[in-house]
Amino acid sequence: MFALQLGGQQLAWDSFYILTLFLVFAIFFVLFIIAEKKAAEPIISFQMFANRAFTTGNILMVLYGVIL
């Protein structure tokens, strides 16, 4: 979120600082997914995303949030 707030207004999108923030996010996101798959009681159960209605609803909520 910090990179999205700063990018384009205070710093250029291709600045080292913004690109580093996106890279750090990607690394932590991958580590989070790996940890959740290995956890005995995960915070997010990825089996829920097998349900088409659940997945569609979540995608629509994200898009609605982006539009607002």
PDB file of N, CA and C in Angstrom:
ATOM      1  N   MET A   1       0.823  -1.179   0.000  1.00  0.00           N
ATOM      2  CA  MET A   1       0.000   0.000   0.000  1.00  0.00           C
ATOM      3  C   MET A   1       0.877   1.257   0.000  1.00  0.00           C
ATOM      4  N   PHE A   2       1.968   1.201   0.709  1.00  0.00           N
ATOM      5  CA  PHE A   2       2.852   2.361   0.784  1.00  0.00           C
ATOM      6  C   PHE A   2       3.412   2.692  -0.599  1.00  0.00           C
ATOM      7  N   ALA A   3       3.800   1.652  -1.335  1.00  0.00           N
ATOM      8  CA  ALA A   3       4.340   1.884  -2.678  1.00  0.00           C
ATOM      9  C   ALA A   3       3.263   2.459  -3.599  1.00  0.00           C
ATOM     10  N   LEU A   4       2.033   2.014  -3.445  1.00  0.00           N
ATOM     11  CA  LEU A   4       0.957   2.523  -4.288  1.00  0.00           C
ATOM     12  C   LEU A   4       0.612   3.968  -3.945  1.00  0.00           C
ATOM     13  N   GLN A   5       0.787   4.349  -2.696  1.00  0.00           N
ATOM     14  CA  GLN A   5       0.504   5.726  -2.303  1.00  0.00           C
ATOM     15  C   GLN A   5       1.592   6.683  -2.800  1.00  0.00           C
ATOM     16  N   LEU A   6       2.835   6.247  -2.737  1.00  0.00           N
ATOM     17  CA  LEU A   6       3.945   7.116  -3.136  1.00  0.00           C
ATOM     18  C   LEU A   6       4.183   7.131  -4.638  1.00  0.00           C
ATOM     19  N   GLY A   7       3.914   6.006  -5.288  1.00  0.00           N
ATOM     20  CA  GLY A   7       4.215   5.872  -6.709  1.00  0.00           C
ATOM     21  C   GLY A   7       3.394   6.802  -7.575  1.00  0.00           C
ATOM     22  N   GLY A   8       4.073   7.491  -8.461  1.00  0.00           N
ATOM     23  CA  GLY A   8       3.409   8.367  -9.404  1.00  0.00           C
ATOM     24  C   GLY A   8       3.182   9.780  -8.897  1.00  0.00           C
ATOM     25  N   GLN A   9       3.112   9.982  -7.587  1.00  0.00           N
ATOM     26  CA  GLN A   9       2.879  11.316  -7.057  1.00  0.00           C
ATOM     27  C   GLN A   9       4.155  11.903  -6.458  1.00  0.00           C
ATOM     28  N   GLN A  10       4.692  11.209  -5.464  1.00  0.00           N
ATOM     29  CA  GLN A  10       5.900  11.715  -4.811  1.00  0.00           C
ATOM     30  C   GLN A  10       7.166  11.113  -5.408  1.00  0.00           C
ATOM     31  N   LEU A  11       7.061   9.897  -5.899  1.00  0.00           N
ATOM     32  CA  LEU A  11       8.205   9.221  -6.512  1.00  0.00           C
ATOM     33  C   LEU A  11       7.784   8.621  -7.845  1.00  0.00           C
ATOM     34  N   ALA A  12       8.713   8.485  -8.756  1.00  0.00           N
ATOM     35  CA  ALA A  12       8.416   7.867 -10.047  1.00  0.00           C
ATOM     36  C   ALA A  12       8.177   6.372  -9.856  1.00  0.00           C
ATOM     37  N   TRP A  13       7.320   5.811 -10.706  1.00  0.00           N
ATOM     38  CA  TRP A  13       7.011   4.386 -10.593  1.00  0.00           C
ATOM     39  C   TRP A  13       8.246   3.515 -10.784  1.00  0.00           C
ATOM     40  N   ASP A  14       9.209   3.969 -11.549  1.00  0.00           N
ATOM     41  CA  ASP A  14      10.405   3.160 -11.787  1.00  0.00           C
ATOM     42  C   ASP A  14      11.575   3.551 -10.889  1.00  0.00           C
ATOM     43  N   SER A  15      11.285   4.268  -9.798  1.00  0.00           N
ATOM     44  CA  SER A  15      12.363   4.630  -8.873  1.00  0.00           C
ATOM     45  C   SER A  15      12.787   3.404  -8.061  1.00  0.00           C
ATOM     46  N   PHE A  16      14.010   3.444  -7.599  1.00  0.00           N
ATOM     47  CA  PHE A  16      14.567   2.325  -6.835  1.00  0.00           C
ATOM     48  C   PHE A  16      13.723   2.035  -5.595  1.00  0.00           C
ATOM     49  N   TYR A  17      13.265   3.055  -4.910  1.00  0.00           N
ATOM     50  CA  TYR A  17      12.505   2.908  -3.672  1.00  0.00           C
ATOM     51  C   TYR A  17      11.180   2.182  -3.914  1.00  0.00           C
ATOM     52  N   ILE A  18      10.448   2.571  -4.936  1.00  0.00           N
ATOM     53  CA  ILE A  18       9.156   1.961  -5.246  1.00  0.00           C
ATOM     54  C   ILE A  18       9.349   0.521  -5.704  1.00  0.00           C
ATOM     55  N   LEU A  19      10.308   0.290  -6.580  1.00  0.00           N
ATOM     56  CA  LEU A  19      10.569  -1.067  -7.057  1.00  0.00           C
ATOM     57  C   LEU A  19      11.006  -1.985  -5.923  1.00  0.00           C
ATOM     58  N   THR A  20      11.788  -1.454  -4.982  1.00  0.00           N
ATOM     59  CA  THR A  20      12.208  -2.244  -3.821  1.00  0.00           C
ATOM     60  C   THR A  20      11.011  -2.603  -2.946  1.00  0.00           C
ATOM     61  N   LEU A  21      10.099  -1.656  -2.742  1.00  0.00           N
ATOM     62  CA  LEU A  21       8.901  -1.953  -1.952  1.00  0.00           C
ATOM     63  C   LEU A  21       8.066  -3.052  -2.604  1.00  0.00           C
ATOM     64  N   PHE A  22       7.898  -3.007  -3.917  1.00  0.00           N
ATOM     65  CA  PHE A  22       7.158  -4.058  -4.612  1.00  0.00           C
ATOM     66  C   PHE A  22       7.874  -5.400  -4.528  1.00  0.00           C
ATOM     67  N   LEU A  23       9.195  -5.398  -4.631  1.00  0.00           N
ATOM     68  CA  LEU A  23       9.970  -6.632  -4.527  1.00  0.00           C
ATOM     69  C   LEU A  23       9.852  -7.241  -3.133  1.00  0.00           C
ATOM     70  N   VAL A  24       9.951  -6.415  -2.114  1.00  0.00           N
ATOM     71  CA  VAL A  24       9.815  -6.902  -0.729  1.00  0.00           C
ATOM     72  C   VAL A  24       8.420  -7.482  -0.515  1.00  0.00           C
ATOM     73  N   PHE A  25       7.385  -6.814  -1.053  1.00  0.00           N
ATOM     74  CA  PHE A  25       6.033  -7.348  -0.950  1.00  0.00           C
ATOM     75  C   PHE A  25       5.946  -8.723  -1.602  1.00  0.00           C
ATOM     76  N   ALA A  26       6.499  -8.870  -2.810  1.00  0.00           N
ATOM     77  CA  ALA A  26       6.427 -10.146  -3.525  1.00  0.00           C
ATOM     78  C   ALA A  26       7.116 -11.256  -2.751  1.00  0.00           C
ATOM     79  N   ILE A  27       8.269 -10.963  -2.158  1.00  0.00           N
ATOM     80  CA  ILE A  27       8.999 -11.966  -1.384  1.00  0.00           C
ATOM     81  C   ILE A  27       8.192 -12.390  -0.157  1.00  0.00           C
ATOM     82  N   PHE A  28       7.665 -11.418   0.577  1.00  0.00           N
ATOM     83  CA  PHE A  28       6.884 -11.752   1.765  1.00  0.00           C
ATOM     84  C   PHE A  28       5.583 -12.461   1.413  1.00  0.00           C
ATOM     85  N   PHE A  29       4.981 -12.125   0.275  1.00  0.00           N
ATOM     86  CA  PHE A  29       3.750 -12.788  -0.154  1.00  0.00           C
ATOM     87  C   PHE A  29       4.018 -14.263  -0.456  1.00  0.00           C
ATOM     88  N   VAL A  30       5.105 -14.547  -1.150  1.00  0.00           N
ATOM     89  CA  VAL A  30       5.470 -15.938  -1.456  1.00  0.00           C
ATOM     90  C   VAL A  30       5.768 -16.698  -0.165  1.00  0.00           C
ATOM     91  N   LEU A  31       6.491 -16.079   0.752  1.00  0.00           N
ATOM     92  CA  LEU A  31       6.776 -16.732   2.035  1.00  0.00           C
ATOM     93  C   LEU A  31       5.494 -16.994   2.826  1.00  0.00           C
ATOM     94  N   PHE A  32       4.546 -16.073   2.764  1.00  0.00           N
ATOM     95  CA  PHE A  32       3.263 -16.257   3.436  1.00  0.00           C
ATOM     96  C   PHE A  32       2.509 -17.453   2.850  1.00  0.00           C
ATOM     97  N   ILE A  33       2.469 -17.558   1.530  1.00  0.00           N
ATOM     98  CA  ILE A  33       1.784 -18.673   0.874  1.00  0.00           C
ATOM     99  C   ILE A  33       2.427 -20.002   1.269  1.00  0.00           C
ATOM    100  N   ILE A  34       3.744 -20.049   1.272  1.00  0.00           N
ATOM    101  CA  ILE A  34       4.450 -21.278   1.648  1.00  0.00           C
ATOM    102  C   ILE A  34       4.148 -21.645   3.096  1.00  0.00           C
ATOM    103  N   ALA A  35       4.191 -20.668   3.986  1.00  0.00           N
ATOM    104  CA  ALA A  35       3.915 -20.934   5.398  1.00  0.00           C
ATOM    105  C   ALA A  35       2.476 -21.399   5.609  1.00  0.00           C
ATOM    106  N   GLU A  36       1.532 -20.817   4.880  1.00  0.00           N
ATOM    107  CA  GLU A  36       0.130 -21.199   5.021  1.00  0.00           C
ATOM    108  C   GLU A  36      -0.118 -22.614   4.512  1.00  0.00           C
ATOM    109  N   LYS A  37       0.569 -23.010   3.457  1.00  0.00           N
ATOM    110  CA  LYS A  37       0.395 -24.365   2.928  1.00  0.00           C
ATOM    111  C   LYS A  37       0.965 -25.417   3.873  1.00  0.00           C
ATOM    112  N   LYS A  38       1.989 -25.059   4.643  1.00  0.00           N
ATOM    113  CA  LYS A  38       2.620 -26.005   5.560  1.00  0.00           C
ATOM    114  C   LYS A  38       1.976 -26.018   6.948  1.00  0.00           C
ATOM    115  N   ALA A  39       1.179 -25.002   7.275  1.00  0.00           N
ATOM    116  CA  ALA A  39       0.619 -24.872   8.618  1.00  0.00           C
ATOM    117  C   ALA A  39      -0.459 -25.921   8.873  1.00  0.00           C
ATOM    118  N   ALA A  40      -0.516 -26.406  10.111  1.00  0.00           N
ATOM    119  CA  ALA A  40      -1.546 -27.372  10.497  1.00  0.00           C
ATOM    120  C   ALA A  40      -2.918 -26.704  10.532  1.00  0.00           C
ATOM    121  N   GLU A  41      -2.980 -25.479  11.028  1.00  0.00           N
ATOM    122  CA  GLU A  41      -4.228 -24.708  11.074  1.00  0.00           C
ATOM    123  C   GLU A  41      -3.982 -23.346  10.420  1.00  0.00           C
ATOM    124  N   PRO A  42      -4.075 -23.290   9.100  1.00  0.00           N
ATOM    125  CA  PRO A  42      -3.762 -22.036   8.394  1.00  0.00           C
ATOM    126  C   PRO A  42      -4.804 -20.953   8.634  1.00  0.00           C
ATOM    127  N   ILE A  43      -4.380 -19.712   8.490  1.00  0.00           N
ATOM    128  CA  ILE A  43      -5.286 -18.572   8.590  1.00  0.00           C
ATOM    129  C   ILE A  43      -6.213 -18.565   7.378  1.00  0.00           C
ATOM    130  N   ILE A  44      -5.657 -18.831   6.206  1.00  0.00           N
ATOM    131  CA  ILE A  44      -6.421 -18.885   4.968  1.00  0.00           C
ATOM    132  C   ILE A  44      -6.374 -20.318   4.449  1.00  0.00           C
ATOM    133  N   SER A  45      -7.542 -20.926   4.311  1.00  0.00           N
ATOM    134  CA  SER A  45      -7.619 -22.263   3.731  1.00  0.00           C
ATOM    135  C   SER A  45      -7.765 -22.116   2.222  1.00  0.00           C
ATOM    136  N   PHE A  46      -6.793 -22.573   1.482  1.00  0.00           N
ATOM    137  CA  PHE A  46      -6.819 -22.418   0.032  1.00  0.00           C
ATOM    138  C   PHE A  46      -7.838 -23.339  -0.611  1.00  0.00           C
ATOM    139  N   GLN A  47      -8.358 -24.288   0.141  1.00  0.00           N
ATOM    140  CA  GLN A  47      -9.414 -25.164  -0.374  1.00  0.00           C
ATOM    141  C   GLN A  47     -10.704 -24.388  -0.613  1.00  0.00           C
ATOM    142  N   MET A  48     -10.884 -23.269   0.084  1.00  0.00           N
ATOM    143  CA  MET A  48     -12.073 -22.444  -0.115  1.00  0.00           C
ATOM    144  C   MET A  48     -12.125 -21.889  -1.538  1.00  0.00           C
ATOM    145  N   PHE A  49     -10.975 -21.657  -2.129  1.00  0.00           N
ATOM    146  CA  PHE A  49     -10.927 -21.076  -3.466  1.00  0.00           C
ATOM    147  C   PHE A  49     -11.312 -22.073  -4.550  1.00  0.00           C
ATOM    148  N   ALA A  50     -11.505 -23.339  -4.180  1.00  0.00           N
ATOM    149  CA  ALA A  50     -12.007 -24.323  -5.131  1.00  0.00           C
ATOM    150  C   ALA A  50     -13.489 -24.088  -5.401  1.00  0.00           C
ATOM    151  N   ASN A  51     -14.180 -23.417  -4.480  1.00  0.00           N
ATOM    152  CA  ASN A  51     -15.580 -23.073  -4.648  1.00  0.00           C
ATOM    153  C   ASN A  51     -15.668 -21.862  -5.578  1.00  0.00           C
ATOM    154  N   ARG A  52     -16.323 -22.059  -6.713  1.00  0.00           N
ATOM    155  CA  ARG A  52     -16.376 -21.017  -7.742  1.00  0.00           C
ATOM    156  C   ARG A  52     -17.084 -19.748  -7.257  1.00  0.00           C
ATOM    157  N   ALA A  53     -18.154 -19.916  -6.484  1.00  0.00           N
ATOM    158  CA  ALA A  53     -18.896 -18.754  -5.984  1.00  0.00           C
ATOM    159  C   ALA A  53     -18.042 -17.939  -5.014  1.00  0.00           C
ATOM    160  N   PHE A  54     -17.291 -18.605  -4.162  1.00  0.00           N
ATOM    161  CA  PHE A  54     -16.415 -17.920  -3.210  1.00  0.00           C
ATOM    162  C   PHE A  54     -15.331 -17.127  -3.940  1.00  0.00           C
ATOM    163  N   THR A  55     -14.712 -17.765  -4.912  1.00  0.00           N
ATOM    164  CA  THR A  55     -13.642 -17.112  -5.670  1.00  0.00           C
ATOM    165  C   THR A  55     -14.177 -15.918  -6.459  1.00  0.00           C
ATOM    166  N   THR A  56     -15.303 -16.104  -7.120  1.00  0.00           N
ATOM    167  CA  THR A  56     -15.897 -15.015  -7.897  1.00  0.00           C
ATOM    168  C   THR A  56     -16.279 -13.851  -6.994  1.00  0.00           C
ATOM    169  N   GLY A  57     -16.873 -14.152  -5.847  1.00  0.00           N
ATOM    170  CA  GLY A  57     -17.247 -13.106  -4.900  1.00  0.00           C
ATOM    171  C   GLY A  57     -16.050 -12.313  -4.414  1.00  0.00           C
ATOM    172  N   ASN A  58     -14.950 -12.981  -4.133  1.00  0.00           N
ATOM    173  CA  ASN A  58     -13.744 -12.291  -3.669  1.00  0.00           C
ATOM    174  C   ASN A  58     -13.133 -11.429  -4.764  1.00  0.00           C
ATOM    175  N   ILE A  59     -13.119 -11.931  -5.980  1.00  0.00           N
ATOM    176  CA  ILE A  59     -12.583 -11.144  -7.089  1.00  0.00           C
ATOM    177  C   ILE A  59     -13.431  -9.891  -7.304  1.00  0.00           C
ATOM    178  N   LEU A  60     -14.755 -10.050  -7.250  1.00  0.00           N
ATOM    179  CA  LEU A  60     -15.635  -8.902  -7.432  1.00  0.00           C
ATOM    180  C   LEU A  60     -15.477  -7.879  -6.311  1.00  0.00           C
ATOM    181  N   MET A  61     -15.279  -8.340  -5.084  1.00  0.00           N
ATOM    182  CA  MET A  61     -15.072  -7.414  -3.963  1.00  0.00           C
ATOM    183  C   MET A  61     -13.778  -6.623  -4.146  1.00  0.00           C
ATOM    184  N   VAL A  62     -12.725  -7.271  -4.608  1.00  0.00           N
ATOM    185  CA  VAL A  62     -11.460  -6.573  -4.850  1.00  0.00           C
ATOM    186  C   VAL A  62     -11.629  -5.548  -5.959  1.00  0.00           C
ATOM    187  N   LEU A  63     -12.288  -5.933  -7.039  1.00  0.00           N
ATOM    188  CA  LEU A  63     -12.505  -4.988  -8.136  1.00  0.00           C
ATOM    189  C   LEU A  63     -13.375  -3.818  -7.701  1.00  0.00           C
ATOM    190  N   TYR A  64     -14.379  -4.075  -6.891  1.00  0.00           N
ATOM    191  CA  TYR A  64     -15.248  -3.012  -6.378  1.00  0.00           C
ATOM    192  C   TYR A  64     -14.417  -2.035  -5.519  1.00  0.00           C
ATOM    193  N   GLY A  65     -13.522  -2.562  -4.703  1.00  0.00           N
ATOM    194  CA  GLY A  65     -12.664  -1.723  -3.884  1.00  0.00           C
ATOM    195  C   GLY A  65     -11.709  -0.888  -4.713  1.00  0.00           C
ATOM    196  N   VAL A  66     -11.236  -1.439  -5.812  1.00  0.00           N
ATOM    197  CA  VAL A  66     -10.324  -0.701  -6.692  1.00  0.00           C
ATOM    198  C   VAL A  66     -11.071   0.429  -7.389  1.00  0.00           C
ATOM    199  N   ILE A  67     -12.306   0.158  -7.788  1.00  0.00           N
ATOM    200  CA  ILE A  67     -13.090   1.162  -8.503  1.00  0.00           C
ATOM    201  C   ILE A  67     -13.417   2.354  -7.591  1.00  0.00           C
ATOM    202  N   LEU A  68     -13.707   2.066  -6.333  1.00  0.00           N
ATOM    203  CA  LEU A  68     -14.029   3.166  -5.421  1.00  0.00           C
ATOM    204  C   LEU A  68     -12.781   3.923  -5.103  1.00  0.00           C
TER     205      LEU A  68
END
